[in-house]
Amino acid sequence: MYLSEYDKAEIRRIIETQLKAFGEDNQIQAFGFASPKIQQQFGTPENFLKMVKTQYHPVYRPRAVMFRGFTTVNHFPAQILYIMDSKGEVIQVVYVMQQQSDRSWRIHGCFFVPLDETLNQL
């Protein structure tokens, strides 16, 4: 999948802004960056933030973030990040993105991948 430099920058901006919103406990802003399907799945910003706090704590409160390349997941573009958690452990995180009908980007999912697993980068 081809991503323009503009799209890559916009995807990074969205992820950075959502991470900042998590850091400020701004559940409404963080929820706003989720794709419509994710929003429908969780229903409210409160439910979404509760899930992130319990299941994705390294994303909720990262100590450090390093953006890597892009890959694809089920035909969706995905941004690869290394996140250092509060204990100092580094975790590889993949943010799956979805382009909306207005050409904007939303986060369509996030998952952890063991560091020793190599991802094909675009």
PDB file of N, CA and C in Angstrom:
ATOM      1  N   MET A   1       0.843  -1.175   0.000  1.00  0.00           N
ATOM      2  CA  MET A   1       0.000   0.000   0.000  1.00  0.00           C
ATOM      3  C   MET A   1       0.890   1.240   0.000  1.00  0.00           C
ATOM      4  N   TYR A   2       0.593   2.168  -0.876  1.00  0.00           N
ATOM      5  CA  TYR A   2       1.363   3.404  -0.959  1.00  0.00           C
ATOM      6  C   TYR A   2       0.827   4.430   0.033  1.00  0.00           C
ATOM      7  N   LEU A   3       1.739   5.035   0.769  1.00  0.00           N
ATOM      8  CA  LEU A   3       1.396   6.143   1.666  1.00  0.00           C
ATOM      9  C   LEU A   3       2.262   7.336   1.274  1.00  0.00           C
ATOM     10  N   SER A   4       1.622   8.456   1.041  1.00  0.00           N
ATOM     11  CA  SER A   4       2.381   9.667   0.721  1.00  0.00           C
ATOM     12  C   SER A   4       3.101  10.149   1.979  1.00  0.00           C
ATOM     13  N   GLU A   5       4.060  11.014   1.800  1.00  0.00           N
ATOM     14  CA  GLU A   5       4.755  11.598   2.951  1.00  0.00           C
ATOM     15  C   GLU A   5       3.764  12.375   3.819  1.00  0.00           C
ATOM     16  N   TYR A   6       2.786  13.015   3.196  1.00  0.00           N
ATOM     17  CA  TYR A   6       1.754  13.724   3.952  1.00  0.00           C
ATOM     18  C   TYR A   6       0.969  12.745   4.827  1.00  0.00           C
ATOM     19  N   ASP A   7       0.555  11.601   4.235  1.00  0.00           N
ATOM     20  CA  ASP A   7      -0.194  10.602   5.005  1.00  0.00           C
ATOM     21  C   ASP A   7       0.633  10.073   6.169  1.00  0.00           C
ATOM     22  N   LYS A   8       1.910   9.796   5.924  1.00  0.00           N
ATOM     23  CA  LYS A   8       2.782   9.296   6.992  1.00  0.00           C
ATOM     24  C   LYS A   8       2.888  10.315   8.124  1.00  0.00           C
ATOM     25  N   ALA A   9       3.060  11.567   7.771  1.00  0.00           N
ATOM     26  CA  ALA A   9       3.158  12.620   8.790  1.00  0.00           C
ATOM     27  C   ALA A   9       1.848  12.772   9.548  1.00  0.00           C
ATOM     28  N   GLU A  10       0.736  12.674   8.841  1.00  0.00           N
ATOM     29  CA  GLU A  10      -0.577  12.812   9.475  1.00  0.00           C
ATOM     30  C   GLU A  10      -0.850  11.641  10.428  1.00  0.00           C
ATOM     31  N   ILE A  11      -0.487  10.442  10.023  1.00  0.00           N
ATOM     32  CA  ILE A  11      -0.653   9.271  10.883  1.00  0.00           C
ATOM     33  C   ILE A  11       0.172   9.442  12.156  1.00  0.00           C
ATOM     34  N   ARG A  12       1.403   9.880  12.008  1.00  0.00           N
ATOM     35  CA  ARG A  12       2.253  10.103  13.179  1.00  0.00           C
ATOM     36  C   ARG A  12       1.632  11.171  14.090  1.00  0.00           C
ATOM     37  N   ARG A  13       1.147  12.256  13.515  1.00  0.00           N
ATOM     38  CA  ARG A  13       0.546  13.336  14.297  1.00  0.00           C
ATOM     39  C   ARG A  13      -0.656  12.824  15.095  1.00  0.00           C
ATOM     40  N   ILE A  14      -1.471  12.004  14.463  1.00  0.00           N
ATOM     41  CA  ILE A  14      -2.663  11.467  15.132  1.00  0.00           C
ATOM     42  C   ILE A  14      -2.267  10.569  16.303  1.00  0.00           C
ATOM     43  N   ILE A  15      -1.300   9.702  16.095  1.00  0.00           N
ATOM     44  CA  ILE A  15      -0.856   8.817  17.174  1.00  0.00           C
ATOM     45  C   ILE A  15      -0.243   9.636  18.312  1.00  0.00           C
ATOM     46  N   GLU A  16       0.610  10.588  17.969  1.00  0.00           N
ATOM     47  CA  GLU A  16       1.219  11.443  18.999  1.00  0.00           C
ATOM     48  C   GLU A  16       0.155  12.204  19.790  1.00  0.00           C
ATOM     49  N   THR A  17      -0.830  12.713  19.089  1.00  0.00           N
ATOM     50  CA  THR A  17      -1.874  13.487  19.760  1.00  0.00           C
ATOM     51  C   THR A  17      -2.722  12.597  20.656  1.00  0.00           C
ATOM     52  N   GLN A  18      -3.004  11.375  20.210  1.00  0.00           N
ATOM     53  CA  GLN A  18      -3.761  10.469  21.073  1.00  0.00           C
ATOM     54  C   GLN A  18      -2.942  10.091  22.305  1.00  0.00           C
ATOM     55  N   LEU A  19      -1.660   9.826  22.134  1.00  0.00           N
ATOM     56  CA  LEU A  19      -0.809   9.508  23.283  1.00  0.00           C
ATOM     57  C   LEU A  19      -0.776  10.676  24.274  1.00  0.00           C
ATOM     58  N   LYS A  20      -0.714  11.892  23.751  1.00  0.00           N
ATOM     59  CA  LYS A  20      -0.749  13.080  24.611  1.00  0.00           C
ATOM     60  C   LYS A  20      -2.089  13.161  25.347  1.00  0.00           C
ATOM     61  N   ALA A  21      -3.176  12.872  24.641  1.00  0.00           N
ATOM     62  CA  ALA A  21      -4.504  12.886  25.267  1.00  0.00           C
ATOM     63  C   ALA A  21      -4.586  11.842  26.388  1.00  0.00           C
ATOM     64  N   PHE A  22      -4.019  10.649  26.176  1.00  0.00           N
ATOM     65  CA  PHE A  22      -3.977   9.648  27.242  1.00  0.00           C
ATOM     66  C   PHE A  22      -3.220  10.199  28.446  1.00  0.00           C
ATOM     67  N   GLY A  23      -2.082  10.845  28.191  1.00  0.00           N
ATOM     68  CA  GLY A  23      -1.267  11.396  29.269  1.00  0.00           C
ATOM     69  C   GLY A  23      -1.988  12.456  30.079  1.00  0.00           C
ATOM     70  N   GLU A  24      -2.936  13.121  29.454  1.00  0.00           N
ATOM     71  CA  GLU A  24      -3.720  14.161  30.130  1.00  0.00           C
ATOM     72  C   GLU A  24      -5.080  13.644  30.599  1.00  0.00           C
ATOM     73  N   ASP A  25      -5.313  12.343  30.450  1.00  0.00           N
ATOM     74  CA  ASP A  25      -6.605  11.727  30.758  1.00  0.00           C
ATOM     75  C   ASP A  25      -7.757  12.418  30.034  1.00  0.00           C
ATOM     76  N   ASN A  26      -7.481  12.878  28.822  1.00  0.00           N
ATOM     77  CA  ASN A  26      -8.504  13.523  27.997  1.00  0.00           C
ATOM     78  C   ASN A  26      -9.179  12.422  27.181  1.00  0.00           C
ATOM     79  N   GLN A  27     -10.134  11.745  27.822  1.00  0.00           N
ATOM     80  CA  GLN A  27     -10.769  10.589  27.198  1.00  0.00           C
ATOM     81  C   GLN A  27     -11.566  10.953  25.955  1.00  0.00           C
ATOM     82  N   ILE A  28     -12.144  12.122  25.916  1.00  0.00           N
ATOM     83  CA  ILE A  28     -12.944  12.535  24.751  1.00  0.00           C
ATOM     84  C   ILE A  28     -12.046  12.724  23.535  1.00  0.00           C
ATOM     85  N   GLN A  29     -10.921  13.413  23.718  1.00  0.00           N
ATOM     86  CA  GLN A  29     -10.011  13.616  22.597  1.00  0.00           C
ATOM     87  C   GLN A  29      -9.404  12.291  22.139  1.00  0.00           C
ATOM     88  N   ALA A  30      -8.958  11.468  23.080  1.00  0.00           N
ATOM     89  CA  ALA A  30      -8.361  10.177  22.730  1.00  0.00           C
ATOM     90  C   ALA A  30      -9.358   9.311  21.960  1.00  0.00           C
ATOM     91  N   PHE A  31     -10.594   9.269  22.416  1.00  0.00           N
ATOM     92  CA  PHE A  31     -11.651   8.486  21.768  1.00  0.00           C
ATOM     93  C   PHE A  31     -11.932   9.016  20.364  1.00  0.00           C
ATOM     94  N   GLY A  32     -11.796  10.314  20.166  1.00  0.00           N
ATOM     95  CA  GLY A  32     -12.059  10.929  18.869  1.00  0.00           C
ATOM     96  C   GLY A  32     -11.125  10.472  17.766  1.00  0.00           C
ATOM     97  N   PHE A  33      -9.957   9.938  18.123  1.00  0.00           N
ATOM     98  CA  PHE A  33      -9.005   9.456  17.122  1.00  0.00           C
ATOM     99  C   PHE A  33      -9.238   7.995  16.742  1.00  0.00           C
ATOM    100  N   ALA A  34     -10.161   7.325  17.426  1.00  0.00           N
ATOM    101  CA  ALA A  34     -10.481   5.931  17.128  1.00  0.00           C
ATOM    102  C   ALA A  34     -11.412   5.866  15.912  1.00  0.00           C
ATOM    103  N   SER A  35     -11.270   4.803  15.139  1.00  0.00           N
ATOM    104  CA  SER A  35     -12.130   4.620  13.967  1.00  0.00           C
ATOM    105  C   SER A  35     -13.582   4.443  14.401  1.00  0.00           C
ATOM    106  N   PRO A  36     -14.521   4.668  13.499  1.00  0.00           N
ATOM    107  CA  PRO A  36     -15.938   4.491  13.853  1.00  0.00           C
ATOM    108  C   PRO A  36     -16.248   3.103  14.417  1.00  0.00           C
ATOM    109  N   LYS A  37     -15.619   2.067  13.879  1.00  0.00           N
ATOM    110  CA  LYS A  37     -15.878   0.714  14.377  1.00  0.00           C
ATOM    111  C   LYS A  37     -15.390   0.555  15.816  1.00  0.00           C
ATOM    112  N   ILE A  38     -14.237   1.114  16.130  1.00  0.00           N
ATOM    113  CA  ILE A  38     -13.717   1.050  17.497  1.00  0.00           C
ATOM    114  C   ILE A  38     -14.620   1.861  18.432  1.00  0.00           C
ATOM    115  N   GLN A  39     -15.045   3.032  17.981  1.00  0.00           N
ATOM    116  CA  GLN A  39     -15.951   3.845  18.797  1.00  0.00           C
ATOM    117  C   GLN A  39     -17.256   3.100  19.069  1.00  0.00           C
ATOM    118  N   GLN A  40     -17.767   2.434  18.039  1.00  0.00           N
ATOM    119  CA  GLN A  40     -19.007   1.668  18.203  1.00  0.00           C
ATOM    120  C   GLN A  40     -18.795   0.511  19.184  1.00  0.00           C
ATOM    121  N   GLN A  41     -17.636  -0.127  19.091  1.00  0.00           N
ATOM    122  CA  GLN A  41     -17.332  -1.270  19.957  1.00  0.00           C
ATOM    123  C   GLN A  41     -17.325  -0.868  21.432  1.00  0.00           C
ATOM    124  N   PHE A  42     -16.777   0.302  21.755  1.00  0.00           N
ATOM    125  CA  PHE A  42     -16.655   0.705  23.154  1.00  0.00           C
ATOM    126  C   PHE A  42     -17.762   1.640  23.614  1.00  0.00           C
ATOM    127  N   GLY A  43     -18.425   2.289  22.696  1.00  0.00           N
ATOM    128  CA  GLY A  43     -19.608   3.071  23.031  1.00  0.00           C
ATOM    129  C   GLY A  43     -19.369   4.442  23.613  1.00  0.00           C
ATOM    130  N   THR A  44     -18.506   4.537  24.615  1.00  0.00           N
ATOM    131  CA  THR A  44     -18.275   5.825  25.267  1.00  0.00           C
ATOM    132  C   THR A  44     -16.775   6.062  25.452  1.00  0.00           C
ATOM    133  N   PRO A  45     -16.378   7.328  25.555  1.00  0.00           N
ATOM    134  CA  PRO A  45     -14.971   7.622  25.852  1.00  0.00           C
ATOM    135  C   PRO A  45     -14.509   6.991  27.171  1.00  0.00           C
ATOM    136  N   GLU A  46     -15.398   6.932  28.149  1.00  0.00           N
ATOM    137  CA  GLU A  46     -15.056   6.343  29.443  1.00  0.00           C
ATOM    138  C   GLU A  46     -14.705   4.862  29.303  1.00  0.00           C
ATOM    139  N   ASN A  47     -15.532   4.115  28.570  1.00  0.00           N
ATOM    140  CA  ASN A  47     -15.262   2.693  28.354  1.00  0.00           C
ATOM    141  C   ASN A  47     -13.955   2.485  27.601  1.00  0.00           C
ATOM    142  N   PHE A  48     -13.720   3.332  26.613  1.00  0.00           N
ATOM    143  CA  PHE A  48     -12.504   3.237  25.806  1.00  0.00           C
ATOM    144  C   PHE A  48     -11.269   3.459  26.683  1.00  0.00           C
ATOM    145  N   LEU A  49     -11.271   4.528  27.473  1.00  0.00           N
ATOM    146  CA  LEU A  49     -10.118   4.832  28.314  1.00  0.00           C
ATOM    147  C   LEU A  49      -9.898   3.746  29.372  1.00  0.00           C
ATOM    148  N   LYS A  50     -10.969   3.206  29.916  1.00  0.00           N
ATOM    149  CA  LYS A  50     -10.850   2.119  30.894  1.00  0.00           C
ATOM    150  C   LYS A  50     -10.146   0.916  30.269  1.00  0.00           C
ATOM    151  N   MET A  51     -10.509   0.577  29.031  1.00  0.00           N
ATOM    152  CA  MET A  51      -9.881  -0.538  28.334  1.00  0.00           C
ATOM    153  C   MET A  51      -8.398  -0.249  28.102  1.00  0.00           C
ATOM    154  N   VAL A  52      -8.067   0.961  27.661  1.00  0.00           N
ATOM    155  CA  VAL A  52      -6.666   1.308  27.406  1.00  0.00           C
ATOM    156  C   VAL A  52      -5.857   1.215  28.701  1.00  0.00           C
ATOM    157  N   LYS A  53      -6.389   1.737  29.788  1.00  0.00           N
ATOM    158  CA  LYS A  53      -5.688   1.707  31.076  1.00  0.00           C
ATOM    159  C   LYS A  53      -5.379   0.283  31.518  1.00  0.00           C
ATOM    160  N   THR A  54      -6.320  -0.634  31.318  1.00  0.00           N
ATOM    161  CA  THR A  54      -6.152  -1.992  31.821  1.00  0.00           C
ATOM    162  C   THR A  54      -5.427  -2.925  30.854  1.00  0.00           C
ATOM    163  N   GLN A  55      -5.673  -2.785  29.557  1.00  0.00           N
ATOM    164  CA  GLN A  55      -5.103  -3.724  28.589  1.00  0.00           C
ATOM    165  C   GLN A  55      -3.917  -3.173  27.810  1.00  0.00           C
ATOM    166  N   TYR A  56      -3.756  -1.861  27.779  1.00  0.00           N
ATOM    167  CA  TYR A  56      -2.690  -1.234  26.993  1.00  0.00           C
ATOM    168  C   TYR A  56      -1.952  -0.182  27.817  1.00  0.00           C
ATOM    169  N   HIS A  57      -1.640  -0.523  29.055  1.00  0.00           N
ATOM    170  CA  HIS A  57      -1.030   0.460  29.950  1.00  0.00           C
ATOM    171  C   HIS A  57       0.257   1.084  29.391  1.00  0.00           C
ATOM    172  N   PRO A  58       1.115   0.342  28.683  1.00  0.00           N
ATOM    173  CA  PRO A  58       2.301   0.995  28.112  1.00  0.00           C
ATOM    174  C   PRO A  58       1.940   2.128  27.137  1.00  0.00           C
ATOM    175  N   VAL A  59       0.824   1.993  26.438  1.00  0.00           N
ATOM    176  CA  VAL A  59       0.358   3.043  25.522  1.00  0.00           C
ATOM    177  C   VAL A  59      -0.273   4.182  26.324  1.00  0.00           C
ATOM    178  N   TYR A  60      -0.931   3.831  27.408  1.00  0.00           N
ATOM    179  CA  TYR A  60      -1.593   4.825  28.239  1.00  0.00           C
ATOM    180  C   TYR A  60      -0.576   5.745  28.922  1.00  0.00           C
ATOM    181  N   ARG A  61       0.513   5.184  29.395  1.00  0.00           N
ATOM    182  CA  ARG A  61       1.530   5.970  30.101  1.00  0.00           C
ATOM    183  C   ARG A  61       2.946   5.570  29.653  1.00  0.00           C
ATOM    184  N   PRO A  62       3.304   5.861  28.402  1.00  0.00           N
ATOM    185  CA  PRO A  62       4.649   5.507  27.959  1.00  0.00           C
ATOM    186  C   PRO A  62       5.705   6.421  28.582  1.00  0.00           C
ATOM    187  N   ARG A  63       6.858   5.847  28.842  1.00  0.00           N
ATOM    188  CA  ARG A  63       7.986   6.655  29.319  1.00  0.00           C
ATOM    189  C   ARG A  63       8.675   7.320  28.115  1.00  0.00           C
ATOM    190  N   ALA A  64       8.744   6.581  27.014  1.00  0.00           N
ATOM    191  CA  ALA A  64       9.368   7.101  25.783  1.00  0.00           C
ATOM    192  C   ALA A  64       8.727   6.414  24.586  1.00  0.00           C
ATOM    193  N   VAL A  65       8.732   7.113  23.455  1.00  0.00           N
ATOM    194  CA  VAL A  65       8.135   6.591  22.216  1.00  0.00           C
ATOM    195  C   VAL A  65       9.095   6.848  21.066  1.00  0.00           C
ATOM    196  N   MET A  66       9.318   5.822  20.246  1.00  0.00           N
ATOM    197  CA  MET A  66      10.132   5.982  19.047  1.00  0.00           C
ATOM    198  C   MET A  66       9.347   5.430  17.862  1.00  0.00           C
ATOM    199  N   PHE A  67       9.140   6.273  16.860  1.00  0.00           N
ATOM    200  CA  PHE A  67       8.420   5.857  15.662  1.00  0.00           C
ATOM    201  C   PHE A  67       9.387   5.145  14.725  1.00  0.00           C
ATOM    202  N   ARG A  68       8.934   4.033  14.186  1.00  0.00           N
ATOM    203  CA  ARG A  68       9.712   3.237  13.233  1.00  0.00           C
ATOM    204  C   ARG A  68       9.031   3.342  11.879  1.00  0.00           C
ATOM    205  N   GLY A  69       9.102   2.308  11.085  1.00  0.00           N
ATOM    206  CA  GLY A  69       8.528   2.324   9.751  1.00  0.00           C
ATOM    207  C   GLY A  69       7.053   1.969   9.731  1.00  0.00           C
ATOM    208  N   PHE A  70       6.596   1.678   8.534  1.00  0.00           N
ATOM    209  CA  PHE A  70       5.208   1.274   8.313  1.00  0.00           C
ATOM    210  C   PHE A  70       5.174  -0.138   7.780  1.00  0.00           C
ATOM    211  N   THR A  71       4.064  -0.801   8.022  1.00  0.00           N
ATOM    212  CA  THR A  71       3.809  -2.123   7.480  1.00  0.00           C
ATOM    213  C   THR A  71       2.332  -2.174   7.106  1.00  0.00           C
ATOM    214  N   THR A  72       1.845  -3.317   6.709  1.00  0.00           N
ATOM    215  CA  THR A  72       0.411  -3.473   6.468  1.00  0.00           C
ATOM    216  C   THR A  72      -0.111  -4.623   7.328  1.00  0.00           C
ATOM    217  N   VAL A  73      -1.352  -4.474   7.770  1.00  0.00           N
ATOM    218  CA  VAL A  73      -2.037  -5.493   8.553  1.00  0.00           C
ATOM    219  C   VAL A  73      -3.423  -5.643   7.942  1.00  0.00           C
ATOM    220  N   ASN A  74      -3.677  -6.811   7.343  1.00  0.00           N
ATOM    221  CA  ASN A  74      -4.970  -7.063   6.687  1.00  0.00           C
ATOM    222  C   ASN A  74      -5.347  -5.942   5.717  1.00  0.00           C
ATOM    223  N   HIS A  75      -4.391  -5.520   4.930  1.00  0.00           N
ATOM    224  CA  HIS A  75      -4.566  -4.488   3.889  1.00  0.00           C
ATOM    225  C   HIS A  75      -4.733  -3.080   4.448  1.00  0.00           C
ATOM    226  N   PHE A  76      -4.532  -2.891   5.747  1.00  0.00           N
ATOM    227  CA  PHE A  76      -4.560  -1.563   6.357  1.00  0.00           C
ATOM    228  C   PHE A  76      -3.126  -1.124   6.606  1.00  0.00           C
ATOM    229  N   PRO A  77      -2.817   0.151   6.405  1.00  0.00           N
ATOM    230  CA  PRO A  77      -1.474   0.623   6.763  1.00  0.00           C
ATOM    231  C   PRO A  77      -1.326   0.618   8.279  1.00  0.00           C
ATOM    232  N   ALA A  78      -0.109   0.376   8.729  1.00  0.00           N
ATOM    233  CA  ALA A  78       0.131   0.303  10.166  1.00  0.00           C
ATOM    234  C   ALA A  78       1.478   0.933  10.508  1.00  0.00           C
ATOM    235  N   GLN A  79       1.477   1.767  11.521  1.00  0.00           N
ATOM    236  CA  GLN A  79       2.685   2.432  12.015  1.00  0.00           C
ATOM    237  C   GLN A  79       3.303   1.586  13.122  1.00  0.00           C
ATOM    238  N   ILE A  80       4.600   1.337  13.017  1.00  0.00           N
ATOM    239  CA  ILE A  80       5.324   0.568  14.025  1.00  0.00           C
ATOM    240  C   ILE A  80       5.995   1.557  14.985  1.00  0.00           C
ATOM    241  N   LEU A  81       5.843   1.309  16.278  1.00  0.00           N
ATOM    242  CA  LEU A  81       6.472   2.131  17.309  1.00  0.00           C
ATOM    243  C   LEU A  81       7.200   1.226  18.290  1.00  0.00           C
ATOM    244  N   TYR A  82       8.227   1.774  18.917  1.00  0.00           N
ATOM    245  CA  TYR A  82       8.811   1.158  20.105  1.00  0.00           C
ATOM    246  C   TYR A  82       8.412   2.057  21.260  1.00  0.00           C
ATOM    247  N   ILE A  83       7.827   1.457  22.278  1.00  0.00           N
ATOM    248  CA  ILE A  83       7.404   2.212  23.450  1.00  0.00           C
ATOM    249  C   ILE A  83       8.117   1.642  24.674  1.00  0.00           C
ATOM    250  N   MET A  84       8.696   2.544  25.462  1.00  0.00           N
ATOM    251  CA  MET A  84       9.262   2.132  26.740  1.00  0.00           C
ATOM    252  C   MET A  84       8.196   2.340  27.804  1.00  0.00           C
ATOM    253  N   ASP A  85       7.901   1.277  28.537  1.00  0.00           N
ATOM    254  CA  ASP A  85       6.874   1.385  29.571  1.00  0.00           C
ATOM    255  C   ASP A  85       7.452   1.975  30.858  1.00  0.00           C
ATOM    256  N   SER A  86       6.622   2.106  31.855  1.00  0.00           N
ATOM    257  CA  SER A  86       7.027   2.738  33.111  1.00  0.00           C
ATOM    258  C   SER A  86       8.107   1.944  33.849  1.00  0.00           C
ATOM    259  N   LYS A  87       8.272   0.657  33.527  1.00  0.00           N
ATOM    260  CA  LYS A  87       9.293  -0.181  34.157  1.00  0.00           C
ATOM    261  C   LYS A  87      10.603  -0.185  33.374  1.00  0.00           C
ATOM    262  N   GLY A  88      10.623   0.510  32.218  1.00  0.00           N
ATOM    263  CA  GLY A  88      11.825   0.561  31.403  1.00  0.00           C
ATOM    264  C   GLY A  88      11.911  -0.524  30.347  1.00  0.00           C
ATOM    265  N   GLU A  89      10.862  -1.322  30.209  1.00  0.00           N
ATOM    266  CA  GLU A  89      10.844  -2.360  29.184  1.00  0.00           C
ATOM    267  C   GLU A  89      10.411  -1.761  27.858  1.00  0.00           C
ATOM    268  N   VAL A  90      11.048  -2.205  26.768  1.00  0.00           N
ATOM    269  CA  VAL A  90      10.702  -1.719  25.435  1.00  0.00           C
ATOM    270  C   VAL A  90       9.750  -2.716  24.786  1.00  0.00           C
ATOM    271  N   ILE A  91       8.675  -2.182  24.228  1.00  0.00           N
ATOM    272  CA  ILE A  91       7.620  -2.980  23.618  1.00  0.00           C
ATOM    273  C   ILE A  91       7.414  -2.482  22.198  1.00  0.00           C
ATOM    274  N   GLN A  92       7.303  -3.403  21.264  1.00  0.00           N
ATOM    275  CA  GLN A  92       6.978  -3.046  19.888  1.00  0.00           C
ATOM    276  C   GLN A  92       5.456  -2.974  19.773  1.00  0.00           C
ATOM    277  N   VAL A  93       4.970  -1.842  19.273  1.00  0.00           N
ATOM    278  CA  VAL A  93       3.532  -1.611  19.168  1.00  0.00           C
ATOM    279  C   VAL A  93       3.196  -1.302  17.717  1.00  0.00           C
ATOM    280  N   VAL A  94       2.119  -1.876  17.239  1.00  0.00           N
ATOM    281  CA  VAL A  94       1.663  -1.632  15.872  1.00  0.00           C
ATOM    282  C   VAL A  94       0.308  -0.939  15.939  1.00  0.00           C
ATOM    283  N   TYR A  95       0.235   0.230  15.337  1.00  0.00           N
ATOM    284  CA  TYR A  95      -1.010   0.998  15.251  1.00  0.00           C
ATOM    285  C   TYR A  95      -1.587   0.799  13.853  1.00  0.00           C
ATOM    286  N   VAL A  96      -2.720   0.145  13.762  1.00  0.00           N
ATOM    287  CA  VAL A  96      -3.403  -0.065  12.489  1.00  0.00           C
ATOM    288  C   VAL A  96      -4.274   1.163  12.220  1.00  0.00           C
ATOM    289  N   MET A  97      -4.157   1.692  11.013  1.00  0.00           N
ATOM    290  CA  MET A  97      -4.842   2.929  10.659  1.00  0.00           C
ATOM    291  C   MET A  97      -5.910   2.664   9.597  1.00  0.00           C
ATOM    292  N   GLN A  98      -6.930   3.501   9.603  1.00  0.00           N
ATOM    293  CA  GLN A  98      -8.001   3.398   8.617  1.00  0.00           C
ATOM    294  C   GLN A  98      -8.274   4.790   8.047  1.00  0.00           C
ATOM    295  N   GLN A  99      -8.250   4.879   6.716  1.00  0.00           N
ATOM    296  CA  GLN A  99      -8.570   6.156   6.090  1.00  0.00           C
ATOM    297  C   GLN A  99     -10.081   6.277   5.940  1.00  0.00           C
ATOM    298  N   GLN A 100     -10.593   7.435   6.323  1.00  0.00           N
ATOM    299  CA  GLN A 100     -12.030   7.686   6.287  1.00  0.00           C
ATOM    300  C   GLN A 100     -12.433   8.223   4.909  1.00  0.00           C
ATOM    301  N   SER A 101     -13.721   8.306   4.664  1.00  0.00           N
ATOM    302  CA  SER A 101     -14.215   8.771   3.361  1.00  0.00           C
ATOM    303  C   SER A 101     -13.800  10.209   3.065  1.00  0.00           C
ATOM    304  N   ASP A 102     -13.536  10.994   4.117  1.00  0.00           N
ATOM    305  CA  ASP A 102     -13.075  12.371   3.902  1.00  0.00           C
ATOM    306  C   ASP A 102     -11.549  12.454   3.771  1.00  0.00           C
ATOM    307  N   ARG A 103     -10.881  11.290   3.669  1.00  0.00           N
ATOM    308  CA  ARG A 103      -9.434  11.136   3.504  1.00  0.00           C
ATOM    309  C   ARG A 103      -8.645  11.341   4.797  1.00  0.00           C
ATOM    310  N   SER A 104      -9.327  11.604   5.916  1.00  0.00           N
ATOM    311  CA  SER A 104      -8.644  11.719   7.199  1.00  0.00           C
ATOM    312  C   SER A 104      -8.298  10.310   7.698  1.00  0.00           C
ATOM    313  N   TRP A 105      -7.429  10.245   8.708  1.00  0.00           N
ATOM    314  CA  TRP A 105      -7.001   8.969   9.264  1.00  0.00           C
ATOM    315  C   TRP A 105      -7.522   8.803  10.680  1.00  0.00           C
ATOM    316  N   ARG A 106      -7.861   7.570  11.025  1.00  0.00           N
ATOM    317  CA  ARG A 106      -8.260   7.210  12.383  1.00  0.00           C
ATOM    318  C   ARG A 106      -7.517   5.932  12.786  1.00  0.00           C
ATOM    319  N   ILE A 107      -7.364   5.755  14.079  1.00  0.00           N
ATOM    320  CA  ILE A 107      -6.710   4.556  14.614  1.00  0.00           C
ATOM    321  C   ILE A 107      -7.744   3.429  14.654  1.00  0.00           C
ATOM    322  N   HIS A 108      -7.407   2.329  13.982  1.00  0.00           N
ATOM    323  CA  HIS A 108      -8.345   1.220  13.827  1.00  0.00           C
ATOM    324  C   HIS A 108      -7.978   0.019  14.702  1.00  0.00           C
ATOM    325  N   GLY A 109      -6.924   0.172  15.476  1.00  0.00           N
ATOM    326  CA  GLY A 109      -6.507  -0.899  16.366  1.00  0.00           C
ATOM    327  C   GLY A 109      -5.057  -0.728  16.754  1.00  0.00           C
ATOM    328  N   CYS A 110      -4.674  -1.456  17.762  1.00  0.00           N
ATOM    329  CA  CYS A 110      -3.319  -1.364  18.295  1.00  0.00           C
ATOM    330  C   CYS A 110      -3.001  -2.722  18.917  1.00  0.00           C
ATOM    331  N   PHE A 111      -1.807  -3.223  18.667  1.00  0.00           N
ATOM    332  CA  PHE A 111      -1.426  -4.470  19.311  1.00  0.00           C
ATOM    333  C   PHE A 111       0.072  -4.516  19.538  1.00  0.00           C
ATOM    334  N   PHE A 112       0.475  -5.353  20.493  1.00  0.00           N
ATOM    335  CA  PHE A 112       1.875  -5.520  20.846  1.00  0.00           C
ATOM    336  C   PHE A 112       2.465  -6.694  20.066  1.00  0.00           C
ATOM    337  N   VAL A 113       3.731  -6.547  19.666  1.00  0.00           N
ATOM    338  CA  VAL A 113       4.439  -7.594  18.938  1.00  0.00           C
ATOM    339  C   VAL A 113       5.770  -7.815  19.650  1.00  0.00           C
ATOM    340  N   PRO A 114       6.158  -9.070  19.912  1.00  0.00           N
ATOM    341  CA  PRO A 114       7.451  -9.311  20.554  1.00  0.00           C
ATOM    342  C   PRO A 114       8.582  -8.631  19.766  1.00  0.00           C
ATOM    343  N   LEU A 115       9.557  -8.084  20.473  1.00  0.00           N
ATOM    344  CA  LEU A 115      10.653  -7.373  19.819  1.00  0.00           C
ATOM    345  C   LEU A 115      11.460  -8.264  18.883  1.00  0.00           C
ATOM    346  N   ASP A 116      11.510  -9.544  19.177  1.00  0.00           N
ATOM    347  CA  ASP A 116      12.301 -10.433  18.328  1.00  0.00           C
ATOM    348  C   ASP A 116      11.578 -10.821  17.040  1.00  0.00           C
ATOM    349  N   GLU A 117      10.337 -10.394  16.882  1.00  0.00           N
ATOM    350  CA  GLU A 117       9.581 -10.690  15.657  1.00  0.00           C
ATOM    351  C   GLU A 117       9.788  -9.547  14.662  1.00  0.00           C
ATOM    352  N   THR A 118      10.335  -9.873  13.524  1.00  0.00           N
ATOM    353  CA  THR A 118      10.615  -8.867  12.497  1.00  0.00           C
ATOM    354  C   THR A 118       9.360  -8.629  11.678  1.00  0.00           C
ATOM    355  N   LEU A 119       9.036  -7.347  11.505  1.00  0.00           N
ATOM    356  CA  LEU A 119       7.890  -6.960  10.679  1.00  0.00           C
ATOM    357  C   LEU A 119       8.401  -6.455   9.348  1.00  0.00           C
ATOM    358  N   ASN A 120       7.687  -6.770   8.283  1.00  0.00           N
ATOM    359  CA  ASN A 120       8.029  -6.238   6.967  1.00  0.00           C
ATOM    360  C   ASN A 120       7.630  -4.782   6.927  1.00  0.00           C
ATOM    361  N   GLN A 121       8.617  -3.913   6.756  1.00  0.00           N
ATOM    362  CA  GLN A 121       8.349  -2.483   6.745  1.00  0.00           C
ATOM    363  C   GLN A 121       8.249  -1.987   5.320  1.00  0.00           C
ATOM    364  N   LEU A 122       7.345  -1.012   5.126  1.00  0.00           N
ATOM    365  CA  LEU A 122       7.182  -0.394   3.812  1.00  0.00           C
ATOM    366  C   LEU A 122       8.227   0.673   3.615  1.00  0.00           C
TER     367      LEU A 122
END
